[in-house]
Amino acid sequence: MSVGQNEILNVLQHCIVTCNECFDACLKEEHVAAMSDCIRLDRDCADVCSLLVQAISRNSNQVQTLAKSCIEICENCARECAKHDHQHCQKCAEACLACAKHCQHLV
């Protein structure tokens, strides 16, 4: 099954939004210090997904390289978010795993 560019862009965009929502919600948690790894990975993940969206949209020859980084960071973010019971973290973990899976089509 071939995955189209628009579908990948939509999944990347969803991951960006979900990571940003998780980041914001983590900052509001009672024990915010315990969420520091999650917060950092949310930011890293949103940033690398955003960079990949830009690279794809301008037909950069760096898409494959960026996609590999995106997969790794999305998987790391998903693992970290999955450790937390907060709904925003669980939602983020799911979005990151879906993004990593879709980015496999770019490498």
Protein backbone atom coordinates (compact mmCIF):
# COMPACT_ATOMS: atom_id res chain seq x y z
CA MET A 1 0.00 0.00 0.00
CA SER A 2 1.42 3.30 -1.06
CA VAL A 3 1.14 6.24 1.28
CA GLY A 4 0.69 9.59 -0.42
CA GLN A 5 2.61 12.74 0.35
CA ASN A 6 -0.53 14.53 1.59
CA GLU A 7 -1.25 11.72 4.05
CA ILE A 8 2.30 11.86 5.41
CA LEU A 9 2.09 15.65 5.72
CA ASN A 10 -1.23 15.33 7.60
CA VAL A 11 0.24 12.76 10.01
CA LEU A 12 3.30 14.94 10.59
CA GLN A 13 1.09 17.97 11.23
CA HIS A 14 -1.06 15.98 13.66
CA CYS A 15 2.08 14.89 15.51
CA ILE A 16 3.29 18.50 15.76
CA VAL A 17 -0.01 19.67 17.22
CA THR A 18 -0.28 16.71 19.61
CA CYS A 19 3.29 17.14 20.86
CA ASN A 20 2.68 20.84 21.43
CA GLU A 21 -0.52 20.09 23.35
CA CYS A 22 1.32 17.51 25.46
CA PHE A 23 4.18 19.94 26.07
CA ASP A 24 1.74 22.61 27.26
CA ALA A 25 -0.24 20.18 29.44
CA CYS A 26 2.94 18.77 31.01
CA LEU A 27 3.95 22.28 32.07
CA LYS A 28 0.68 22.48 34.01
CA GLU A 29 1.14 19.18 35.86
CA GLU A 30 1.57 19.32 39.63
CA HIS A 31 4.97 17.62 39.50
CA VAL A 32 6.34 19.36 36.44
CA ALA A 33 9.94 18.40 37.24
CA ALA A 34 9.00 14.74 36.81
CA MET A 35 7.78 15.61 33.33
CA SER A 36 11.00 17.26 32.15
CA ASP A 37 12.09 14.44 29.82
CA CYS A 38 8.62 14.33 28.30
CA ILE A 39 8.58 18.09 27.82
CA ARG A 40 11.98 18.10 26.11
CA LEU A 41 11.06 15.23 23.80
CA ASP A 42 7.71 16.84 22.94
CA ARG A 43 9.59 19.94 21.78
CA ASP A 44 12.24 17.97 19.89
CA CYS A 45 9.61 15.86 18.19
CA ALA A 46 7.45 18.81 17.15
CA ASP A 47 10.52 20.61 15.83
CA VAL A 48 11.85 17.71 13.75
CA CYS A 49 8.37 16.99 12.36
CA SER A 50 8.03 20.64 11.40
CA LEU A 51 11.41 20.60 9.67
CA LEU A 52 10.43 17.46 7.77
CA VAL A 53 7.15 19.06 6.64
CA GLN A 54 9.12 21.99 5.28
CA ALA A 55 11.65 19.72 3.54
CA ILE A 56 8.91 17.66 1.90
CA SER A 57 6.99 20.72 0.75
CA ARG A 58 10.05 22.23 -0.95
CA ASN A 59 11.17 18.88 -2.42
CA SER A 60 14.47 18.94 -0.52
CA ASN A 61 17.04 16.27 -1.21
CA GLN A 62 17.37 15.89 2.58
CA VAL A 63 13.93 14.32 3.12
CA GLN A 64 15.26 10.81 3.64
CA THR A 65 17.89 11.96 6.15
CA LEU A 66 15.36 14.04 8.07
CA ALA A 67 12.80 11.23 7.97
CA LYS A 68 15.28 8.88 9.65
CA SER A 69 15.82 11.42 12.43
CA CYS A 70 12.09 12.00 12.69
CA ILE A 71 11.45 8.28 13.12
CA GLU A 72 14.02 7.99 15.89
CA ILE A 73 12.82 11.06 17.78
CA CYS A 74 9.14 10.15 17.38
CA GLU A 75 9.84 6.67 18.76
CA ASN A 76 11.78 8.14 21.69
CA CYS A 77 8.98 10.60 22.42
CA ALA A 78 6.37 7.83 22.23
CA ARG A 79 8.34 5.69 24.70
CA GLU A 80 8.68 8.55 27.16
CA CYS A 81 5.05 9.65 26.88
CA ALA A 82 3.84 6.06 27.29
CA LYS A 83 5.44 6.02 30.76
CA HIS A 84 2.93 8.61 32.00
CA ASP A 85 -0.74 7.97 32.71
CA HIS A 86 -1.88 11.43 31.68
CA GLN A 87 -4.33 11.40 28.78
CA HIS A 88 -2.30 14.01 26.89
CA CYS A 89 0.81 11.82 27.15
CA GLN A 90 -1.02 8.70 25.97
CA LYS A 91 -2.49 10.63 23.03
CA CYS A 92 0.96 11.97 22.18
CA ALA A 93 2.52 8.49 22.31
CA GLU A 94 -0.08 7.24 19.81
CA ALA A 95 0.48 10.19 17.46
CA CYS A 96 4.25 9.78 17.60
CA LEU A 97 4.08 6.06 16.82
CA ALA A 98 1.76 6.72 13.88
CA CYS A 99 4.12 9.41 12.63
CA ALA A 100 7.17 7.15 12.89
CA LYS A 101 5.29 4.44 10.97
CA HIS A 102 4.29 6.83 8.18
CA CYS A 103 7.80 8.30 7.94
CA GLN A 104 9.12 4.80 7.18
CA HIS A 105 7.67 5.34 3.68
CA LEU A 106 10.15 8.17 3.15
CA VAL A 107 13.31 6.16 3.81
